[in-house]
Amino acid sequence: MQWSRLLSISIRDAVPGDAATIAQFNDNMARETEGHGLDTETITTGVARLLADCSKGRYWLAEYDGKVVGQIMVTYEWSDWRNGTIWWIQSVYVSPAVRRKGIFSALYQHVESLARSDADACGLRLYVERNNVAAQDTYRHMGMTMTGYQVMEADFTAV
């Protein structure tokens, strides 16, 4: 099948029945970006919990020809400095067969449009692997800029 740059892409909210697909996409992403898979029970439960509680975040899925080919998730961080909510983009994944075809752009533009129409939203953020230059270039193309911050963590789930 020949893919054109201008696919007929639809974006929709994820529903609980999408949990297995989302969990699989997250596992695929972890294998590609970090070199290891995710614990199936943990990721499946985590996705299901978010889908059941929109205060934790939201997933949107990109469909082409009736098939889910991409996803994006947003979680929320309150910023007292900005008196608003920062939307954190996470769990971005596009199936390899349709990459560089506008799927991520459609997902990002959908999220950006929703955020701009939300009076409480004050911006979008994401974190990206330091060595993932292709992803960084894509995010820059969407108008994002590198910040002066680095992410640090204390991971309570690490073995």
C-alpha atoms as a PDB file:
ATOM      1  CA  MET A   1       0.000   0.000   0.000  1.00  0.00           C
ATOM      2  CA  GLN A   2       1.336   3.432  -0.915  1.00  0.00           C
ATOM      3  CA  TRP A   3       0.927   6.070   1.827  1.00  0.00           C
ATOM      4  CA  SER A   4       0.520   9.672   0.873  1.00  0.00           C
ATOM      5  CA  ARG A   5       1.794  12.513   3.048  1.00  0.00           C
ATOM      6  CA  LEU A   6      -1.790  13.727   3.406  1.00  0.00           C
ATOM      7  CA  LEU A   7      -3.500  10.742   4.961  1.00  0.00           C
ATOM      8  CA  SER A   8      -7.116  10.885   6.004  1.00  0.00           C
ATOM      9  CA  ILE A   9      -6.446  10.768   9.723  1.00  0.00           C
ATOM     10  CA  SER A  10      -9.052  10.936  12.446  1.00  0.00           C
ATOM     11  CA  ILE A  11      -8.265  11.685  16.079  1.00  0.00           C
ATOM     12  CA  ARG A  12     -10.499  10.400  18.846  1.00  0.00           C
ATOM     13  CA  ASP A  13     -10.544  10.070  22.605  1.00  0.00           C
ATOM     14  CA  ALA A  14      -9.365   6.700  23.840  1.00  0.00           C
ATOM     15  CA  VAL A  15     -11.928   4.514  25.597  1.00  0.00           C
ATOM     16  CA  PRO A  16     -11.447   1.640  28.056  1.00  0.00           C
ATOM     17  CA  GLY A  17     -11.623  -0.883  25.207  1.00  0.00           C
ATOM     18  CA  ASP A  18      -8.419   0.650  23.780  1.00  0.00           C
ATOM     19  CA  ALA A  19      -6.330  -0.236  26.841  1.00  0.00           C
ATOM     20  CA  ALA A  20      -4.634  -3.295  25.319  1.00  0.00           C
ATOM     21  CA  THR A  21      -3.621  -1.392  22.162  1.00  0.00           C
ATOM     22  CA  ILE A  22      -2.302   1.546  24.179  1.00  0.00           C
ATOM     23  CA  ALA A  23      -0.367  -0.754  26.512  1.00  0.00           C
ATOM     24  CA  GLN A  24       1.172  -2.516  23.496  1.00  0.00           C
ATOM     25  CA  PHE A  25       2.124   0.817  21.903  1.00  0.00           C
ATOM     26  CA  ASN A  26       3.740   1.891  25.192  1.00  0.00           C
ATOM     27  CA  ASP A  27       5.711  -1.359  25.325  1.00  0.00           C
ATOM     28  CA  ASN A  28       6.805  -0.887  21.705  1.00  0.00           C
ATOM     29  CA  MET A  29       7.929   2.676  22.501  1.00  0.00           C
ATOM     30  CA  ALA A  30       9.935   1.558  25.558  1.00  0.00           C
ATOM     31  CA  ARG A  31      11.675  -1.131  23.523  1.00  0.00           C
ATOM     32  CA  GLU A  32      12.583   1.383  20.806  1.00  0.00           C
ATOM     33  CA  THR A  33      13.667   4.276  23.024  1.00  0.00           C
ATOM     34  CA  GLU A  34      15.021   2.600  26.132  1.00  0.00           C
ATOM     35  CA  GLY A  35      15.946  -0.881  24.919  1.00  0.00           C
ATOM     36  CA  HIS A  36      13.622  -2.801  27.229  1.00  0.00           C
ATOM     37  CA  GLY A  37       9.970  -3.741  27.462  1.00  0.00           C
ATOM     38  CA  LEU A  38       7.468  -2.872  30.157  1.00  0.00           C
ATOM     39  CA  ASP A  39       5.845  -5.170  32.668  1.00  0.00           C
ATOM     40  CA  THR A  40       2.587  -6.162  30.954  1.00  0.00           C
ATOM     41  CA  GLU A  41       0.436  -6.190  34.090  1.00  0.00           C
ATOM     42  CA  THR A  42       1.768  -2.855  35.335  1.00  0.00           C
ATOM     43  CA  ILE A  43       1.348  -0.980  32.036  1.00  0.00           C
ATOM     44  CA  THR A  44      -2.060  -2.506  31.303  1.00  0.00           C
ATOM     45  CA  THR A  45      -3.333  -1.593  34.768  1.00  0.00           C
ATOM     46  CA  GLY A  46      -1.788   1.877  34.552  1.00  0.00           C
ATOM     47  CA  VAL A  47      -3.436   2.596  31.208  1.00  0.00           C
ATOM     48  CA  ALA A  48      -6.795   1.289  32.448  1.00  0.00           C
ATOM     49  CA  ARG A  49      -6.614   3.484  35.566  1.00  0.00           C
ATOM     50  CA  LEU A  50      -5.962   6.605  33.502  1.00  0.00           C
ATOM     51  CA  LEU A  51      -8.775   5.765  31.079  1.00  0.00           C
ATOM     52  CA  ALA A  52     -11.135   5.375  34.042  1.00  0.00           C
ATOM     53  CA  ASP A  53     -10.104   8.679  35.687  1.00  0.00           C
ATOM     54  CA  CYS A  54      -9.651  11.728  33.427  1.00  0.00           C
ATOM     55  CA  SER A  55      -8.118  13.685  36.324  1.00  0.00           C
ATOM     56  CA  LYS A  56      -5.002  11.536  35.789  1.00  0.00           C
ATOM     57  CA  GLY A  57      -4.799  12.470  32.105  1.00  0.00           C
ATOM     58  CA  ARG A  58      -6.171  11.643  28.686  1.00  0.00           C
ATOM     59  CA  TYR A  59      -5.193   9.581  25.677  1.00  0.00           C
ATOM     60  CA  TRP A  60      -6.090  10.389  22.096  1.00  0.00           C
ATOM     61  CA  LEU A  61      -5.688   7.920  19.273  1.00  0.00           C
ATOM     62  CA  ALA A  62      -5.013   8.506  15.594  1.00  0.00           C
ATOM     63  CA  GLU A  63      -6.863   6.249  13.188  1.00  0.00           C
ATOM     64  CA  TYR A  64      -6.285   5.660   9.524  1.00  0.00           C
ATOM     65  CA  ASP A  65      -8.555   3.397   7.511  1.00  0.00           C
ATOM     66  CA  GLY A  66     -10.255   2.224  10.701  1.00  0.00           C
ATOM     67  CA  LYS A  67      -6.989   1.142  12.324  1.00  0.00           C
ATOM     68  CA  VAL A  68      -5.311   2.772  15.333  1.00  0.00           C
ATOM     69  CA  VAL A  69      -1.871   3.903  14.157  1.00  0.00           C
ATOM     70  CA  GLY A  70      -0.782   6.400  16.808  1.00  0.00           C
ATOM     71  CA  GLN A  71      -1.350   7.777  20.269  1.00  0.00           C
ATOM     72  CA  ILE A  72      -0.610  10.700  22.528  1.00  0.00           C
ATOM     73  CA  MET A  73      -1.269  11.120  26.241  1.00  0.00           C
ATOM     74  CA  VAL A  74      -1.488  14.272  28.329  1.00  0.00           C
ATOM     75  CA  THR A  75      -1.111  14.585  32.090  1.00  0.00           C
ATOM     76  CA  TYR A  76      -1.500  17.782  34.058  1.00  0.00           C
ATOM     77  CA  GLU A  77       0.774  19.842  36.305  1.00  0.00           C
ATOM     78  CA  TRP A  78      -0.436  22.861  38.250  1.00  0.00           C
ATOM     79  CA  SER A  79       1.900  25.853  37.970  1.00  0.00           C
ATOM     80  CA  ASP A  80       1.523  28.423  40.713  1.00  0.00           C
ATOM     81  CA  TRP A  81       4.050  30.620  38.892  1.00  0.00           C
ATOM     82  CA  ARG A  82       1.726  30.768  35.888  1.00  0.00           C
ATOM     83  CA  ASN A  83      -1.564  30.312  37.727  1.00  0.00           C
ATOM     84  CA  GLY A  84      -2.461  27.658  35.201  1.00  0.00           C
ATOM     85  CA  THR A  85      -2.115  24.053  34.168  1.00  0.00           C
ATOM     86  CA  ILE A  86       0.755  22.760  32.065  1.00  0.00           C
ATOM     87  CA  TRP A  87      -0.240  19.897  29.791  1.00  0.00           C
ATOM     88  CA  TRP A  88       2.554  17.303  29.729  1.00  0.00           C
ATOM     89  CA  ILE A  89       2.681  15.280  26.517  1.00  0.00           C
ATOM     90  CA  GLN A  90       3.644  11.669  27.159  1.00  0.00           C
ATOM     91  CA  SER A  91       3.377   8.192  25.660  1.00  0.00           C
ATOM     92  CA  VAL A  92       3.696   9.391  22.068  1.00  0.00           C
ATOM     93  CA  TYR A  93       3.785   6.498  19.628  1.00  0.00           C
ATOM     94  CA  VAL A  94       3.235   6.133  15.901  1.00  0.00           C
ATOM     95  CA  SER A  95       3.315   2.743  14.179  1.00  0.00           C
ATOM     96  CA  PRO A  96       6.525   2.368  12.145  1.00  0.00           C
ATOM     97  CA  ALA A  97       4.640   1.779   8.864  1.00  0.00           C
ATOM     98  CA  VAL A  98       3.101   5.269   8.983  1.00  0.00           C
ATOM     99  CA  ARG A  99       5.886   7.373  10.450  1.00  0.00           C
ATOM    100  CA  ARG A 100       6.797  10.620   8.685  1.00  0.00           C
ATOM    101  CA  LYS A 101       3.260  10.729   7.248  1.00  0.00           C
ATOM    102  CA  GLY A 102       1.753  13.420   9.467  1.00  0.00           C
ATOM    103  CA  ILE A 103       0.293  11.196  12.202  1.00  0.00           C
ATOM    104  CA  PHE A 104       2.196  12.846  15.052  1.00  0.00           C
ATOM    105  CA  SER A 105       1.504  16.297  13.622  1.00  0.00           C
ATOM    106  CA  ALA A 106      -2.218  15.559  13.613  1.00  0.00           C
ATOM    107  CA  LEU A 107      -2.087  14.295  17.215  1.00  0.00           C
ATOM    108  CA  TYR A 108      -0.016  17.259  18.392  1.00  0.00           C
ATOM    109  CA  GLN A 109      -2.191  19.817  16.625  1.00  0.00           C
ATOM    110  CA  HIS A 110      -5.292  18.226  18.155  1.00  0.00           C
ATOM    111  CA  VAL A 111      -3.835  18.454  21.666  1.00  0.00           C
ATOM    112  CA  GLU A 112      -2.499  21.968  21.118  1.00  0.00           C
ATOM    113  CA  SER A 113      -5.901  23.124  19.874  1.00  0.00           C
ATOM    114  CA  LEU A 114      -7.638  21.654  22.925  1.00  0.00           C
ATOM    115  CA  ALA A 115      -5.082  23.203  25.273  1.00  0.00           C
ATOM    116  CA  ARG A 116      -5.362  26.640  23.642  1.00  0.00           C
ATOM    117  CA  SER A 117      -9.154  26.501  24.007  1.00  0.00           C
ATOM    118  CA  ASP A 118      -8.870  25.621  27.735  1.00  0.00           C
ATOM    119  CA  ALA A 119      -8.693  28.875  29.724  1.00  0.00           C
ATOM    120  CA  ASP A 120      -6.788  27.071  32.504  1.00  0.00           C
ATOM    121  CA  ALA A 121      -4.046  25.644  30.236  1.00  0.00           C
ATOM    122  CA  CYS A 122      -0.877  27.709  30.107  1.00  0.00           C
ATOM    123  CA  GLY A 123       1.374  25.591  27.911  1.00  0.00           C
ATOM    124  CA  LEU A 124       2.583  22.241  26.650  1.00  0.00           C
ATOM    125  CA  ARG A 125       5.681  20.362  27.783  1.00  0.00           C
ATOM    126  CA  LEU A 126       7.260  17.023  27.144  1.00  0.00           C
ATOM    127  CA  TYR A 127      10.442  15.216  27.917  1.00  0.00           C
ATOM    128  CA  VAL A 128      12.537  13.569  25.231  1.00  0.00           C
ATOM    129  CA  GLU A 129      15.481  11.203  25.378  1.00  0.00           C
ATOM    130  CA  ARG A 130      18.734  13.167  25.179  1.00  0.00           C
ATOM    131  CA  ASN A 131      19.969  11.144  22.175  1.00  0.00           C
ATOM    132  CA  ASN A 132      16.682  11.011  20.271  1.00  0.00           C
ATOM    133  CA  VAL A 133      17.592  13.694  17.765  1.00  0.00           C
ATOM    134  CA  ALA A 134      14.851  12.719  15.310  1.00  0.00           C
ATOM    135  CA  ALA A 135      12.152  13.244  17.944  1.00  0.00           C
ATOM    136  CA  GLN A 136      13.723  16.535  19.040  1.00  0.00           C
ATOM    137  CA  ASP A 137      13.679  17.756  15.429  1.00  0.00           C
ATOM    138  CA  THR A 138      10.014  16.761  15.112  1.00  0.00           C
ATOM    139  CA  TYR A 139       9.081  18.634  18.298  1.00  0.00           C
ATOM    140  CA  ARG A 140      11.016  21.720  17.164  1.00  0.00           C
ATOM    141  CA  HIS A 141       9.149  21.574  13.856  1.00  0.00           C
ATOM    142  CA  MET A 142       5.898  21.747  15.845  1.00  0.00           C
ATOM    143  CA  GLY A 143       7.111  24.962  17.508  1.00  0.00           C
ATOM    144  CA  MET A 144       8.449  23.563  20.774  1.00  0.00           C
ATOM    145  CA  THR A 145      11.773  24.767  22.175  1.00  0.00           C
ATOM    146  CA  MET A 146      14.358  23.193  24.439  1.00  0.00           C
ATOM    147  CA  THR A 147      14.217  24.501  27.999  1.00  0.00           C
ATOM    148  CA  GLY A 148      17.061  25.081  30.407  1.00  0.00           C
ATOM    149  CA  TYR A 149      15.753  22.365  32.724  1.00  0.00           C
ATOM    150  CA  GLN A 150      16.809  18.758  33.068  1.00  0.00           C
ATOM    151  CA  VAL A 151      14.512  16.113  34.508  1.00  0.00           C
ATOM    152  CA  MET A 152      15.558  14.442  37.745  1.00  0.00           C
ATOM    153  CA  GLU A 153      13.657  11.777  39.627  1.00  0.00           C
ATOM    154  CA  ALA A 154      13.481   9.475  42.609  1.00  0.00           C
ATOM    155  CA  ASP A 155      11.864   6.364  41.109  1.00  0.00           C
ATOM    156  CA  PHE A 156      10.047   4.422  43.823  1.00  0.00           C
ATOM    157  CA  THR A 157       9.198   1.600  41.394  1.00  0.00           C
ATOM    158  CA  ALA A 158      12.783   0.884  40.306  1.00  0.00           C
ATOM    159  CA  VAL A 159      14.087  -2.506  41.282  1.00  0.00           C
END
